[in-house]
Amino acid sequence: MYLTGMGQAVSDKQDNGSTLEQSTITFLIPCFNTPLMTSDLLYTALDSKLFTGCQFALLLQASDPRVETYKELVVTIREKGLDIGYFIFDGTPYCGMINRVAPILNTRSVCVLNNQHFPWYTGKDGIGIAGAVEQWLSKAVEPMGVGVFDAQGNHPVVTKHFIERLGYMFHPLCTGREEAERWLLTLAEKLAIIGNIPDCKLIASRAETVDLLGFSTEEEMVWVLQVLTQLTDDEVERIGTYLVK
């Protein structure tokens, strides 16, 4: 794995010892062979001006025939003002990519997106996505937390503290995004650390595509969730010892 264009992701200190500014939220976008959809998403984020203070990272595979296109896209859109970089992996599975990147980001929270869905700020005060996430973060004394943009809880925002306590962001048993998110939401609900991010919703692209990354079969999903259900109480008890009382 290696990255470029995201110096904050490697360390929170510069060579001269000064502290780099921490991002409020970093959006991870696993991609494979869909550069046009990724470009549409990123340019929409850029043009909206709602993502100031947010960081983006593309998670790419070295085997992707369009990997050079992604790299050129990142350079171009970074020059236009979006805080973005990319990581390239060599065969690392979906959840493995996320779990390797999330712990090293200099950010307060992490959200995994796909090329079809991303959050949108609906408030009137102009604070944007980062401001809304900041409001959610500031309301809780407990540094561990999971924030949701809608009632379904898709693409939840997970605080860095919760990721560090868990030892992962997406459970390693999971092969897809849906069961990984369900597991996070289950733990957050039982620990009472889940909350709504104000004035935000998820919007979807009209383009139709197959989600090649983050997809698992119904059989795989059922098996994983059945196994994880047996671990829920133990994990809640372990994490619960760190809760601010």
C-alpha atoms as a PDB file:
ATOM      1  CA  MET A   1       0.000   0.000   0.000  1.00  0.00           C
ATOM      2  CA  TYR A   2       1.187   3.512  -0.703  1.00  0.00           C
ATOM      3  CA  LEU A   3      -0.417   6.904  -0.888  1.00  0.00           C
ATOM      4  CA  THR A   4       0.107  10.270  -2.446  1.00  0.00           C
ATOM      5  CA  GLY A   5      -1.303  13.724  -2.012  1.00  0.00           C
ATOM      6  CA  MET A   6      -2.428  13.308   1.589  1.00  0.00           C
ATOM      7  CA  GLY A   7       0.428  14.289   3.855  1.00  0.00           C
ATOM      8  CA  GLN A   8      -1.955  14.598   6.779  1.00  0.00           C
ATOM      9  CA  ALA A   9      -2.844  10.946   6.450  1.00  0.00           C
ATOM     10  CA  VAL A  10       0.618   9.713   7.421  1.00  0.00           C
ATOM     11  CA  SER A  11       1.336  11.778  10.484  1.00  0.00           C
ATOM     12  CA  ASP A  12      -0.050  14.634  12.492  1.00  0.00           C
ATOM     13  CA  LYS A  13       3.428  16.186  12.711  1.00  0.00           C
ATOM     14  CA  GLN A  14       5.416  17.918  10.010  1.00  0.00           C
ATOM     15  CA  ASP A  15       9.196  17.550   9.712  1.00  0.00           C
ATOM     16  CA  ASN A  16       9.695  20.814  11.617  1.00  0.00           C
ATOM     17  CA  GLY A  17       7.637  19.500  14.525  1.00  0.00           C
ATOM     18  CA  SER A  18       4.590  21.696  13.986  1.00  0.00           C
ATOM     19  CA  THR A  19       1.152  20.123  14.056  1.00  0.00           C
ATOM     20  CA  LEU A  20      -0.792  19.604  10.843  1.00  0.00           C
ATOM     21  CA  GLU A  21      -4.413  20.671  10.833  1.00  0.00           C
ATOM     22  CA  GLN A  22      -6.756  17.783  11.585  1.00  0.00           C
ATOM     23  CA  SER A  23      -9.615  17.148   9.198  1.00  0.00           C
ATOM     24  CA  THR A  24     -13.122  17.035  10.654  1.00  0.00           C
ATOM     25  CA  ILE A  25     -14.095  14.121   8.414  1.00  0.00           C
ATOM     26  CA  THR A  26     -12.412  11.988   5.779  1.00  0.00           C
ATOM     27  CA  PHE A  27     -14.446  10.218   3.112  1.00  0.00           C
ATOM     28  CA  LEU A  28     -12.959   6.951   1.846  1.00  0.00           C
ATOM     29  CA  ILE A  29     -14.098   5.940  -1.639  1.00  0.00           C
ATOM     30  CA  PRO A  30     -13.095   2.424  -2.784  1.00  0.00           C
ATOM     31  CA  CYS A  31     -13.026   2.432  -6.604  1.00  0.00           C
ATOM     32  CA  PHE A  32     -12.550  -0.057  -9.389  1.00  0.00           C
ATOM     33  CA  ASN A  33     -12.982   0.667 -13.099  1.00  0.00           C
ATOM     34  CA  THR A  34     -15.508   3.487 -12.590  1.00  0.00           C
ATOM     35  CA  PRO A  35     -13.478   6.697 -13.103  1.00  0.00           C
ATOM     36  CA  LEU A  36     -16.330   8.598 -14.767  1.00  0.00           C
ATOM     37  CA  MET A  37     -18.677   8.002 -11.842  1.00  0.00           C
ATOM     38  CA  THR A  38     -15.937   8.923  -9.394  1.00  0.00           C
ATOM     39  CA  SER A  39     -15.212  12.070 -11.374  1.00  0.00           C
ATOM     40  CA  ASP A  40     -18.896  13.058 -11.335  1.00  0.00           C
ATOM     41  CA  LEU A  41     -19.072  12.590  -7.578  1.00  0.00           C
ATOM     42  CA  LEU A  42     -15.912  14.570  -6.871  1.00  0.00           C
ATOM     43  CA  TYR A  43     -16.768  17.453  -9.193  1.00  0.00           C
ATOM     44  CA  THR A  44     -20.238  17.632  -7.650  1.00  0.00           C
ATOM     45  CA  ALA A  45     -18.607  17.870  -4.219  1.00  0.00           C
ATOM     46  CA  LEU A  46     -16.192  20.534  -5.468  1.00  0.00           C
ATOM     47  CA  ASP A  47     -18.793  22.650  -7.254  1.00  0.00           C
ATOM     48  CA  SER A  48     -21.229  22.520  -4.346  1.00  0.00           C
ATOM     49  CA  LYS A  49     -18.717  24.202  -1.993  1.00  0.00           C
ATOM     50  CA  LEU A  50     -20.294  22.166   0.801  1.00  0.00           C
ATOM     51  CA  PHE A  51     -17.193  20.090   1.559  1.00  0.00           C
ATOM     52  CA  THR A  52     -14.730  22.684   2.832  1.00  0.00           C
ATOM     53  CA  GLY A  53     -12.911  21.114   5.776  1.00  0.00           C
ATOM     54  CA  CYS A  54     -13.545  17.609   4.469  1.00  0.00           C
ATOM     55  CA  GLN A  55     -10.907  15.257   3.129  1.00  0.00           C
ATOM     56  CA  PHE A  56     -11.325  12.609   0.415  1.00  0.00           C
ATOM     57  CA  ALA A  57      -9.236   9.497  -0.268  1.00  0.00           C
ATOM     58  CA  LEU A  58      -9.668   7.101  -3.172  1.00  0.00           C
ATOM     59  CA  LEU A  59      -8.828   3.471  -2.386  1.00  0.00           C
ATOM     60  CA  LEU A  60      -7.505   1.972  -5.616  1.00  0.00           C
ATOM     61  CA  GLN A  61      -6.288  -1.423  -6.794  1.00  0.00           C
ATOM     62  CA  ALA A  62      -3.040  -1.774  -8.736  1.00  0.00           C
ATOM     63  CA  SER A  63      -4.829  -4.252 -11.024  1.00  0.00           C
ATOM     64  CA  ASP A  64      -7.434  -1.658 -12.048  1.00  0.00           C
ATOM     65  CA  PRO A  65      -6.961  -0.930 -15.784  1.00  0.00           C
ATOM     66  CA  ARG A  66      -8.037   2.676 -15.099  1.00  0.00           C
ATOM     67  CA  VAL A  67      -5.700   3.340 -12.181  1.00  0.00           C
ATOM     68  CA  GLU A  68      -3.740   5.993 -14.096  1.00  0.00           C
ATOM     69  CA  THR A  69      -6.993   7.776 -14.923  1.00  0.00           C
ATOM     70  CA  TYR A  70      -7.841   7.952 -11.226  1.00  0.00           C
ATOM     71  CA  LYS A  71      -4.407   9.356 -10.428  1.00  0.00           C
ATOM     72  CA  GLU A  72      -4.777  12.072 -13.057  1.00  0.00           C
ATOM     73  CA  LEU A  73      -8.243  12.886 -11.727  1.00  0.00           C
ATOM     74  CA  VAL A  74      -6.905  13.349  -8.209  1.00  0.00           C
ATOM     75  CA  VAL A  75      -4.150  15.684  -9.371  1.00  0.00           C
ATOM     76  CA  THR A  76      -6.573  17.775 -11.416  1.00  0.00           C
ATOM     77  CA  ILE A  77      -9.261  18.092  -8.790  1.00  0.00           C
ATOM     78  CA  ARG A  78      -6.746  18.762  -6.018  1.00  0.00           C
ATOM     79  CA  GLU A  79      -5.441  21.702  -8.010  1.00  0.00           C
ATOM     80  CA  LYS A  80      -9.009  23.021  -8.113  1.00  0.00           C
ATOM     81  CA  GLY A  81      -9.183  23.057  -4.331  1.00  0.00           C
ATOM     82  CA  LEU A  82     -10.571  19.740  -3.080  1.00  0.00           C
ATOM     83  CA  ASP A  83      -8.519  18.089  -0.311  1.00  0.00           C
ATOM     84  CA  ILE A  84      -7.976  14.671  -1.875  1.00  0.00           C
ATOM     85  CA  GLY A  85      -5.418  11.923  -2.298  1.00  0.00           C
ATOM     86  CA  TYR A  86      -5.318   8.218  -3.055  1.00  0.00           C
ATOM     87  CA  PHE A  87      -4.012   4.914  -1.760  1.00  0.00           C
ATOM     88  CA  ILE A  88      -3.085   2.038  -4.070  1.00  0.00           C
ATOM     89  CA  PHE A  89      -3.329  -1.577  -2.898  1.00  0.00           C
ATOM     90  CA  ASP A  90      -2.169  -4.808  -4.461  1.00  0.00           C
ATOM     91  CA  GLY A  91      -4.988  -7.300  -3.989  1.00  0.00           C
ATOM     92  CA  THR A  92      -6.082  -6.210  -0.514  1.00  0.00           C
ATOM     93  CA  PRO A  93      -9.787  -7.050   0.024  1.00  0.00           C
ATOM     94  CA  TYR A  94     -12.436  -4.382   0.473  1.00  0.00           C
ATOM     95  CA  CYS A  95     -12.607  -4.268   4.278  1.00  0.00           C
ATOM     96  CA  GLY A  96      -8.847  -4.743   4.519  1.00  0.00           C
ATOM     97  CA  MET A  97      -8.254  -1.549   2.524  1.00  0.00           C
ATOM     98  CA  ILE A  98     -10.517   0.435   4.819  1.00  0.00           C
ATOM     99  CA  ASN A  99      -9.013  -1.032   7.987  1.00  0.00           C
ATOM    100  CA  ARG A 100      -5.471  -0.220   6.879  1.00  0.00           C
ATOM    101  CA  VAL A 101      -6.257   3.373   5.974  1.00  0.00           C
ATOM    102  CA  ALA A 102      -8.729   4.518   8.647  1.00  0.00           C
ATOM    103  CA  PRO A 103      -6.317   4.259  11.625  1.00  0.00           C
ATOM    104  CA  ILE A 104      -3.573   6.381  10.023  1.00  0.00           C
ATOM    105  CA  LEU A 105      -5.705   9.310   8.904  1.00  0.00           C
ATOM    106  CA  ASN A 106      -5.282  12.603  10.743  1.00  0.00           C
ATOM    107  CA  THR A 107      -9.000  13.123  11.068  1.00  0.00           C
ATOM    108  CA  ARG A 108     -11.707  13.195  13.721  1.00  0.00           C
ATOM    109  CA  SER A 109     -14.094  10.913  11.839  1.00  0.00           C
ATOM    110  CA  VAL A 110     -14.268   8.586   8.836  1.00  0.00           C
ATOM    111  CA  CYS A 111     -17.056   7.719   6.395  1.00  0.00           C
ATOM    112  CA  VAL A 112     -16.902   5.105   3.615  1.00  0.00           C
ATOM    113  CA  LEU A 113     -18.760   6.059   0.435  1.00  0.00           C
ATOM    114  CA  ASN A 114     -19.307   4.447  -2.934  1.00  0.00           C
ATOM    115  CA  ASN A 115     -19.550   6.074  -6.353  1.00  0.00           C
ATOM    116  CA  GLN A 116     -23.326   6.441  -6.156  1.00  0.00           C
ATOM    117  CA  HIS A 117     -24.115   7.980  -2.783  1.00  0.00           C
ATOM    118  CA  PHE A 118     -22.762  10.875  -0.793  1.00  0.00           C
ATOM    119  CA  PRO A 119     -24.035  13.278   1.869  1.00  0.00           C
ATOM    120  CA  TRP A 120     -25.637  16.624   1.135  1.00  0.00           C
ATOM    121  CA  TYR A 121     -26.065  19.554   3.493  1.00  0.00           C
ATOM    122  CA  THR A 122     -29.591  20.962   3.600  1.00  0.00           C
ATOM    123  CA  GLY A 123     -29.201  23.685   6.221  1.00  0.00           C
ATOM    124  CA  LYS A 124     -29.475  27.400   5.509  1.00  0.00           C
ATOM    125  CA  ASP A 125     -26.500  28.692   7.492  1.00  0.00           C
ATOM    126  CA  GLY A 126     -23.805  27.591   5.028  1.00  0.00           C
ATOM    127  CA  ILE A 127     -21.682  25.561   7.445  1.00  0.00           C
ATOM    128  CA  GLY A 128     -21.582  22.606   5.031  1.00  0.00           C
ATOM    129  CA  ILE A 129     -20.873  18.955   5.737  1.00  0.00           C
ATOM    130  CA  ALA A 130     -17.829  19.545   7.941  1.00  0.00           C
ATOM    131  CA  GLY A 131     -19.779  22.069  10.027  1.00  0.00           C
ATOM    132  CA  ALA A 132     -22.682  19.651  10.475  1.00  0.00           C
ATOM    133  CA  VAL A 133     -20.334  16.844  11.516  1.00  0.00           C
ATOM    134  CA  GLU A 134     -18.575  19.258  13.875  1.00  0.00           C
ATOM    135  CA  GLN A 135     -21.912  20.091  15.490  1.00  0.00           C
ATOM    136  CA  TRP A 136     -22.648  16.400  15.974  1.00  0.00           C
ATOM    137  CA  LEU A 137     -19.185  15.782  17.441  1.00  0.00           C
ATOM    138  CA  SER A 138     -19.392  18.739  19.810  1.00  0.00           C
ATOM    139  CA  LYS A 139     -22.701  17.632  21.341  1.00  0.00           C
ATOM    140  CA  ALA A 140     -21.244  14.442  22.824  1.00  0.00           C
ATOM    141  CA  VAL A 141     -18.893  14.225  25.789  1.00  0.00           C
ATOM    142  CA  GLU A 142     -18.106  10.646  24.746  1.00  0.00           C
ATOM    143  CA  PRO A 143     -15.375  10.671  22.036  1.00  0.00           C
ATOM    144  CA  MET A 144     -16.517   7.334  20.586  1.00  0.00           C
ATOM    145  CA  GLY A 145     -19.498   7.670  18.313  1.00  0.00           C
ATOM    146  CA  VAL A 146     -21.338   6.764  15.119  1.00  0.00           C
ATOM    147  CA  GLY A 147     -23.259   9.435  13.225  1.00  0.00           C
ATOM    148  CA  VAL A 148     -25.936   8.784  10.602  1.00  0.00           C
ATOM    149  CA  PHE A 149     -27.231  10.891   7.729  1.00  0.00           C
ATOM    150  CA  ASP A 150     -30.596   9.126   7.444  1.00  0.00           C
ATOM    151  CA  ALA A 151     -32.926   6.768   9.268  1.00  0.00           C
ATOM    152  CA  GLN A 152     -31.458   3.714   7.521  1.00  0.00           C
ATOM    153  CA  GLY A 153     -27.936   4.503   8.762  1.00  0.00           C
ATOM    154  CA  ASN A 154     -26.276   3.959   5.399  1.00  0.00           C
ATOM    155  CA  HIS A 155     -22.699   5.261   5.100  1.00  0.00           C
ATOM    156  CA  PRO A 156     -22.322   6.061   8.815  1.00  0.00           C
ATOM    157  CA  VAL A 157     -19.686   8.438  10.146  1.00  0.00           C
ATOM    158  CA  VAL A 158     -17.400   6.765  12.693  1.00  0.00           C
ATOM    159  CA  THR A 159     -15.176   8.687  15.082  1.00  0.00           C
ATOM    160  CA  LYS A 160     -11.475   7.952  15.097  1.00  0.00           C
ATOM    161  CA  HIS A 161     -11.688   7.114  18.814  1.00  0.00           C
ATOM    162  CA  PHE A 162     -14.242   4.382  18.153  1.00  0.00           C
ATOM    163  CA  ILE A 163     -12.102   2.929  15.362  1.00  0.00           C
ATOM    164  CA  GLU A 164      -9.087   2.862  17.691  1.00  0.00           C
ATOM    165  CA  ARG A 165     -11.044   1.115  20.458  1.00  0.00           C
ATOM    166  CA  LEU A 166     -12.499  -1.462  18.070  1.00  0.00           C
ATOM    167  CA  GLY A 167      -9.166  -2.123  16.375  1.00  0.00           C
ATOM    168  CA  TYR A 168     -10.879  -1.883  12.989  1.00  0.00           C
ATOM    169  CA  MET A 169     -13.510   0.153  11.177  1.00  0.00           C
ATOM    170  CA  PHE A 170     -15.167  -2.666   9.210  1.00  0.00           C
ATOM    171  CA  HIS A 171     -15.058  -6.041  10.949  1.00  0.00           C
ATOM    172  CA  PRO A 172     -12.515  -8.325   9.184  1.00  0.00           C
ATOM    173  CA  LEU A 173     -15.108 -11.094   8.793  1.00  0.00           C
ATOM    174  CA  CYS A 174     -17.191  -8.852   6.551  1.00  0.00           C
ATOM    175  CA  THR A 175     -16.755  -9.034   2.792  1.00  0.00           C
ATOM    176  CA  GLY A 176     -19.132  -6.212   1.939  1.00  0.00           C
ATOM    177  CA  ARG A 177     -20.148  -2.746   3.042  1.00  0.00           C
ATOM    178  CA  GLU A 178     -23.709  -3.535   4.076  1.00  0.00           C
ATOM    179  CA  GLU A 179     -22.971  -6.118   6.754  1.00  0.00           C
ATOM    180  CA  ALA A 180     -19.997  -4.079   7.989  1.00  0.00           C
ATOM    181  CA  GLU A 181     -22.231  -1.055   8.481  1.00  0.00           C
ATOM    182  CA  ARG A 182     -24.924  -3.146  10.175  1.00  0.00           C
ATOM    183  CA  TRP A 183     -22.354  -4.399  12.677  1.00  0.00           C
ATOM    184  CA  LEU A 184     -21.184  -0.856  13.461  1.00  0.00           C
ATOM    185  CA  LEU A 185     -24.759   0.350  13.921  1.00  0.00           C
ATOM    186  CA  THR A 186     -25.577  -2.600  16.199  1.00  0.00           C
ATOM    187  CA  LEU A 187     -22.631  -1.853  18.467  1.00  0.00           C
ATOM    188  CA  ALA A 188     -23.336   1.878  18.470  1.00  0.00           C
ATOM    189  CA  GLU A 189     -26.978   1.351  19.417  1.00  0.00           C
ATOM    190  CA  LYS A 190     -26.127  -1.013  22.276  1.00  0.00           C
ATOM    191  CA  LEU A 191     -23.446   1.365  23.543  1.00  0.00           C
ATOM    192  CA  ALA A 192     -25.805   4.356  23.134  1.00  0.00           C
ATOM    193  CA  ILE A 193     -23.236   6.286  21.087  1.00  0.00           C
ATOM    194  CA  ILE A 194     -25.237   6.752  17.885  1.00  0.00           C
ATOM    195  CA  GLY A 195     -26.626  10.101  16.771  1.00  0.00           C
ATOM    196  CA  ASN A 196     -28.047  12.010  13.827  1.00  0.00           C
ATOM    197  CA  ILE A 197     -25.868  14.445  11.905  1.00  0.00           C
ATOM    198  CA  PRO A 198     -28.032  17.574  11.629  1.00  0.00           C
ATOM    199  CA  ASP A 199     -29.343  19.058   8.383  1.00  0.00           C
ATOM    200  CA  CYS A 200     -27.865  16.350   6.151  1.00  0.00           C
ATOM    201  CA  LYS A 201     -29.183  13.651   3.854  1.00  0.00           C
ATOM    202  CA  LEU A 202     -27.771  11.112   1.415  1.00  0.00           C
ATOM    203  CA  ILE A 203     -28.262  11.720  -2.280  1.00  0.00           C
ATOM    204  CA  ALA A 204     -27.826   9.182  -5.062  1.00  0.00           C
ATOM    205  CA  SER A 205     -26.415   9.388  -8.552  1.00  0.00           C
ATOM    206  CA  ARG A 206     -28.808   8.524 -11.368  1.00  0.00           C
ATOM    207  CA  ALA A 207     -26.146   6.454 -13.102  1.00  0.00           C
ATOM    208  CA  GLU A 208     -26.662   2.710 -12.945  1.00  0.00           C
ATOM    209  CA  THR A 209     -23.680   0.544 -12.136  1.00  0.00           C
ATOM    210  CA  VAL A 210     -22.627  -2.620 -10.390  1.00  0.00           C
ATOM    211  CA  ASP A 211     -20.886  -1.984  -7.071  1.00  0.00           C
ATOM    212  CA  LEU A 212     -17.868  -4.199  -7.754  1.00  0.00           C
ATOM    213  CA  LEU A 213     -16.245  -3.241  -4.480  1.00  0.00           C
ATOM    214  CA  GLY A 214     -18.060  -3.679  -1.203  1.00  0.00           C
ATOM    215  CA  PHE A 215     -20.462  -6.278  -2.555  1.00  0.00           C
ATOM    216  CA  SER A 216     -21.271  -9.607  -0.894  1.00  0.00           C
ATOM    217  CA  THR A 217     -23.846 -12.249  -1.661  1.00  0.00           C
ATOM    218  CA  GLU A 218     -26.945 -12.695   0.480  1.00  0.00           C
ATOM    219  CA  GLU A 219     -25.549 -15.998   1.766  1.00  0.00           C
ATOM    220  CA  GLU A 220     -22.259 -14.401   2.769  1.00  0.00           C
ATOM    221  CA  MET A 221     -24.029 -11.544   4.506  1.00  0.00           C
ATOM    222  CA  VAL A 222     -26.337 -13.828   6.482  1.00  0.00           C
ATOM    223  CA  TRP A 223     -23.450 -16.039   7.610  1.00  0.00           C
ATOM    224  CA  VAL A 224     -21.285 -13.111   8.710  1.00  0.00           C
ATOM    225  CA  LEU A 225     -24.087 -11.436  10.650  1.00  0.00           C
ATOM    226  CA  GLN A 226     -24.972 -14.709  12.355  1.00  0.00           C
ATOM    227  CA  VAL A 227     -21.377 -15.123  13.504  1.00  0.00           C
ATOM    228  CA  LEU A 228     -21.042 -11.511  14.608  1.00  0.00           C
ATOM    229  CA  THR A 229     -24.279 -11.710  16.579  1.00  0.00           C
ATOM    230  CA  GLN A 230     -22.595 -14.259  18.823  1.00  0.00           C
ATOM    231  CA  LEU A 231     -19.814 -11.743  19.517  1.00  0.00           C
ATOM    232  CA  THR A 232     -22.005  -8.722  20.185  1.00  0.00           C
ATOM    233  CA  ASP A 233     -22.321  -8.937  23.966  1.00  0.00           C
ATOM    234  CA  ASP A 234     -18.606  -9.552  24.480  1.00  0.00           C
ATOM    235  CA  GLU A 235     -17.643  -6.667  22.222  1.00  0.00           C
ATOM    236  CA  VAL A 236     -20.133  -4.309  23.861  1.00  0.00           C
ATOM    237  CA  GLU A 237     -18.808  -5.263  27.294  1.00  0.00           C
ATOM    238  CA  ARG A 238     -15.204  -4.700  26.188  1.00  0.00           C
ATOM    239  CA  ILE A 239     -15.826  -1.344  24.531  1.00  0.00           C
ATOM    240  CA  GLY A 240     -18.197  -0.285  27.302  1.00  0.00           C
ATOM    241  CA  THR A 241     -15.339  -0.126  29.793  1.00  0.00           C
ATOM    242  CA  TYR A 242     -13.960   2.876  27.885  1.00  0.00           C
ATOM    243  CA  LEU A 243     -17.180   4.888  27.857  1.00  0.00           C
ATOM    244  CA  VAL A 244     -17.141   8.253  29.585  1.00  0.00           C
ATOM    245  CA  LYS A 245     -19.472   7.868  32.563  1.00  0.00           C
END
